Amino acid sequence: VQLVESGGGSVQTGGSHRLSCTASGYTFSRRCMGWFRKGPGKEREGVAVISVGGGSTYYADSVKGRFTISQDNAKNTVYLQMNSLEPQDTAMYYCAADIQGWDCPPTRAPRLYEYTNWGQGTQVTVS
């Protein structure tokens, strides 16, 4: 599975932005899709997860109520709608695929090793 993110850019505090992640290749092998981010001086963290089959979701506490993960399976695309953006949301955002179904549907924070296929990342800067 190959993943390509798009939609990064600069946005003002309090604004909204949407990221997209399109999968190609053996797309049927995806069990869960996740959005992760790595901010300056921070470790990569899981932001949101969605199960491809059932649509169940998980959100990190830091984004709950502000971010929404969704998908269009006909387009093999996952979205991350980000509202009420804050400077601390500034990060490189990555989408990733969980092929094994480690925790899918998601019940807890995703672990990096559970996601074996990663996109190249897209930068979001909030100022």
C-alpha atoms as a PDB file:
ATOM      1  CA  VAL A   1       0.000   0.000   0.000  1.00  0.00           C
ATOM      2  CA  GLN A   2       1.360   3.394  -0.989  1.00  0.00           C
ATOM      3  CA  LEU A   3       0.088   6.502   0.769  1.00  0.00           C
ATOM      4  CA  VAL A   4       0.251  10.110  -0.366  1.00  0.00           C
ATOM      5  CA  GLU A   5      -0.795  13.002   1.849  1.00  0.00           C
ATOM      6  CA  SER A   6      -1.869  16.387   0.595  1.00  0.00           C
ATOM      7  CA  GLY A   7      -3.382  19.589   1.884  1.00  0.00           C
ATOM      8  CA  GLY A   8      -0.683  20.905   4.163  1.00  0.00           C
ATOM      9  CA  GLY A   9      -0.055  24.610   4.469  1.00  0.00           C
ATOM     10  CA  SER A  10      -0.122  27.619   6.725  1.00  0.00           C
ATOM     11  CA  VAL A  11      -3.217  28.649   8.657  1.00  0.00           C
ATOM     12  CA  GLN A  12      -4.042  31.228  11.277  1.00  0.00           C
ATOM     13  CA  THR A  13      -4.855  30.369  14.854  1.00  0.00           C
ATOM     14  CA  GLY A  14      -8.490  29.434  15.151  1.00  0.00           C
ATOM     15  CA  GLY A  15      -8.735  28.503  11.505  1.00  0.00           C
ATOM     16  CA  SER A  16      -9.598  25.240   9.795  1.00  0.00           C
ATOM     17  CA  HIS A  17      -7.787  22.995   7.384  1.00  0.00           C
ATOM     18  CA  ARG A  18      -8.312  19.597   5.790  1.00  0.00           C
ATOM     19  CA  LEU A  19      -5.706  17.000   4.993  1.00  0.00           C
ATOM     20  CA  SER A  20      -6.170  14.125   2.552  1.00  0.00           C
ATOM     21  CA  CYS A  21      -4.420  10.781   2.268  1.00  0.00           C
ATOM     22  CA  THR A  22      -4.921   8.649  -0.825  1.00  0.00           C
ATOM     23  CA  ALA A  23      -3.938   5.005  -0.909  1.00  0.00           C
ATOM     24  CA  SER A  24      -2.894   2.971  -3.920  1.00  0.00           C
ATOM     25  CA  GLY A  25      -1.711  -0.565  -4.466  1.00  0.00           C
ATOM     26  CA  TYR A  26      -3.196  -3.319  -2.291  1.00  0.00           C
ATOM     27  CA  THR A  27      -5.706  -0.957  -0.743  1.00  0.00           C
ATOM     28  CA  PHE A  28      -7.969  -3.801   0.385  1.00  0.00           C
ATOM     29  CA  SER A  29      -5.286  -4.848   2.881  1.00  0.00           C
ATOM     30  CA  ARG A  30      -5.820  -1.761   5.020  1.00  0.00           C
ATOM     31  CA  ARG A  31      -7.518  -2.517   8.340  1.00  0.00           C
ATOM     32  CA  CYS A  32      -7.189   0.836  10.077  1.00  0.00           C
ATOM     33  CA  MET A  33      -5.883   4.182   8.858  1.00  0.00           C
ATOM     34  CA  GLY A  34      -4.240   6.645  11.183  1.00  0.00           C
ATOM     35  CA  TRP A  35      -3.081  10.226  11.193  1.00  0.00           C
ATOM     36  CA  PHE A  36       0.075  10.949  13.162  1.00  0.00           C
ATOM     37  CA  ARG A  37       2.034  14.118  13.682  1.00  0.00           C
ATOM     38  CA  LYS A  38       5.499  15.186  14.764  1.00  0.00           C
ATOM     39  CA  GLY A  39       5.879  18.692  16.072  1.00  0.00           C
ATOM     40  CA  PRO A  40       9.142  20.580  16.644  1.00  0.00           C
ATOM     41  CA  GLY A  41      11.053  18.910  19.455  1.00  0.00           C
ATOM     42  CA  LYS A  42       8.295  16.377  20.017  1.00  0.00           C
ATOM     43  CA  GLU A  43       7.918  12.681  19.401  1.00  0.00           C
ATOM     44  CA  ARG A  44       5.609  11.390  16.712  1.00  0.00           C
ATOM     45  CA  GLU A  45       2.144  10.877  18.156  1.00  0.00           C
ATOM     46  CA  GLY A  46      -1.074   9.328  16.983  1.00  0.00           C
ATOM     47  CA  VAL A  47      -3.789  11.909  16.388  1.00  0.00           C
ATOM     48  CA  ALA A  48      -6.741   9.987  14.977  1.00  0.00           C
ATOM     49  CA  VAL A  49      -7.568   6.515  13.709  1.00  0.00           C
ATOM     50  CA  ILE A  50     -10.439   5.105  11.658  1.00  0.00           C
ATOM     51  CA  SER A  51     -11.306   1.512  10.889  1.00  0.00           C
ATOM     52  CA  VAL A  52     -11.631   1.089   7.138  1.00  0.00           C
ATOM     53  CA  GLY A  53     -14.404  -1.465   7.351  1.00  0.00           C
ATOM     54  CA  GLY A  54     -16.668  -0.106  10.068  1.00  0.00           C
ATOM     55  CA  GLY A  55     -15.688   3.524  10.458  1.00  0.00           C
ATOM     56  CA  SER A  56     -14.977   3.357  14.186  1.00  0.00           C
ATOM     57  CA  THR A  57     -12.712   6.163  15.332  1.00  0.00           C
ATOM     58  CA  TYR A  58     -10.188   7.120  17.985  1.00  0.00           C
ATOM     59  CA  TYR A  59      -8.925  10.607  18.833  1.00  0.00           C
ATOM     60  CA  ALA A  60      -6.084  11.778  20.987  1.00  0.00           C
ATOM     61  CA  ASP A  61      -7.244  13.954  23.876  1.00  0.00           C
ATOM     62  CA  SER A  62      -5.313  16.891  22.458  1.00  0.00           C
ATOM     63  CA  VAL A  63      -7.509  17.015  19.337  1.00  0.00           C
ATOM     64  CA  LYS A  64     -10.799  15.553  20.519  1.00  0.00           C
ATOM     65  CA  GLY A  65     -13.666  17.834  19.610  1.00  0.00           C
ATOM     66  CA  ARG A  66     -11.546  19.788  17.128  1.00  0.00           C
ATOM     67  CA  PHE A  67     -10.365  17.193  14.587  1.00  0.00           C
ATOM     68  CA  THR A  68     -12.481  14.736  12.608  1.00  0.00           C
ATOM     69  CA  ILE A  69     -11.188  11.755  10.702  1.00  0.00           C
ATOM     70  CA  SER A  70     -13.316  10.436   7.852  1.00  0.00           C
ATOM     71  CA  GLN A  71     -12.966   8.338   4.743  1.00  0.00           C
ATOM     72  CA  ASP A  72     -14.248   7.796   1.240  1.00  0.00           C
ATOM     73  CA  ASN A  73     -13.563   4.145   0.534  1.00  0.00           C
ATOM     74  CA  ALA A  74     -14.603   4.494  -3.098  1.00  0.00           C
ATOM     75  CA  LYS A  75     -11.681   6.890  -3.490  1.00  0.00           C
ATOM     76  CA  ASN A  76      -9.366   5.050  -1.071  1.00  0.00           C
ATOM     77  CA  THR A  77      -8.958   8.373   0.686  1.00  0.00           C
ATOM     78  CA  VAL A  78      -8.878   9.317   4.344  1.00  0.00           C
ATOM     79  CA  TYR A  79      -9.358  12.883   5.528  1.00  0.00           C
ATOM     80  CA  LEU A  80      -8.432  14.833   8.620  1.00  0.00           C
ATOM     81  CA  GLN A  81     -10.609  17.880   9.149  1.00  0.00           C
ATOM     82  CA  MET A  82      -8.895  20.201  11.616  1.00  0.00           C
ATOM     83  CA  ASN A  83     -10.845  23.014  13.264  1.00  0.00           C
ATOM     84  CA  SER A  84      -9.953  25.574  15.930  1.00  0.00           C
ATOM     85  CA  LEU A  85      -6.306  25.142  15.104  1.00  0.00           C
ATOM     86  CA  GLU A  86      -3.726  26.199  17.671  1.00  0.00           C
ATOM     87  CA  PRO A  87      -0.003  26.909  17.321  1.00  0.00           C
ATOM     88  CA  GLN A  88       0.738  23.648  19.149  1.00  0.00           C
ATOM     89  CA  ASP A  89      -0.918  21.816  16.243  1.00  0.00           C
ATOM     90  CA  THR A  90       2.027  22.864  14.077  1.00  0.00           C
ATOM     91  CA  ALA A  91       3.637  19.642  12.894  1.00  0.00           C
ATOM     92  CA  MET A  92       4.435  17.352  10.030  1.00  0.00           C
ATOM     93  CA  TYR A  93       1.333  15.220   9.589  1.00  0.00           C
ATOM     94  CA  TYR A  94       1.593  11.658   8.344  1.00  0.00           C
ATOM     95  CA  CYS A  95      -1.007   9.105   7.412  1.00  0.00           C
ATOM     96  CA  ALA A  96      -0.316   5.439   7.912  1.00  0.00           C
ATOM     97  CA  ALA A  97      -1.965   2.072   7.388  1.00  0.00           C
ATOM     98  CA  ASP A  98      -2.364  -0.751   9.886  1.00  0.00           C
ATOM     99  CA  ILE A  99      -2.339  -3.895   7.771  1.00  0.00           C
ATOM    100  CA  GLN A 100      -2.337  -6.452  10.583  1.00  0.00           C
ATOM    101  CA  GLY A 101      -5.255  -4.984  12.480  1.00  0.00           C
ATOM    102  CA  TRP A 102      -3.333  -4.679  15.771  1.00  0.00           C
ATOM    103  CA  ASP A 103      -6.006  -2.554  17.360  1.00  0.00           C
ATOM    104  CA  CYS A 104      -8.732  -2.286  14.801  1.00  0.00           C
ATOM    105  CA  PRO A 105     -11.420  -1.114  15.436  1.00  0.00           C
ATOM    106  CA  PRO A 106      -9.383   1.295  17.550  1.00  0.00           C
ATOM    107  CA  THR A 107      -9.767   1.240  21.310  1.00  0.00           C
ATOM    108  CA  ARG A 108      -6.618   3.075  22.435  1.00  0.00           C
ATOM    109  CA  ALA A 109      -3.802   5.299  21.225  1.00  0.00           C
ATOM    110  CA  PRO A 110      -2.071   3.818  18.185  1.00  0.00           C
ATOM    111  CA  ARG A 111       1.472   2.550  18.520  1.00  0.00           C
ATOM    112  CA  LEU A 112       3.935   3.423  15.793  1.00  0.00           C
ATOM    113  CA  TYR A 113       5.063  -0.145  15.158  1.00  0.00           C
ATOM    114  CA  GLU A 114       1.485  -1.179  14.412  1.00  0.00           C
ATOM    115  CA  TYR A 115       1.483   0.985  11.292  1.00  0.00           C
ATOM    116  CA  THR A 116       3.729  -0.437   8.605  1.00  0.00           C
ATOM    117  CA  ASN A 117       2.929   1.760   5.614  1.00  0.00           C
ATOM    118  CA  TRP A 118       3.532   5.505   5.817  1.00  0.00           C
ATOM    119  CA  GLY A 119       3.137   8.516   3.607  1.00  0.00           C
ATOM    120  CA  GLN A 120       5.830  11.114   3.146  1.00  0.00           C
ATOM    121  CA  GLY A 121       4.111  13.670   5.367  1.00  0.00           C
ATOM    122  CA  THR A 122       2.609  17.107   4.847  1.00  0.00           C
ATOM    123  CA  GLN A 123       3.480  20.178   6.904  1.00  0.00           C
ATOM    124  CA  VAL A 124       0.855  22.190   8.760  1.00  0.00           C
ATOM    125  CA  THR A 125       1.928  25.466  10.329  1.00  0.00           C
ATOM    126  CA  VAL A 126      -0.401  27.404  12.622  1.00  0.00           C
ATOM    127  CA  SER A 127       0.524  30.965  13.552  1.00  0.00           C
END
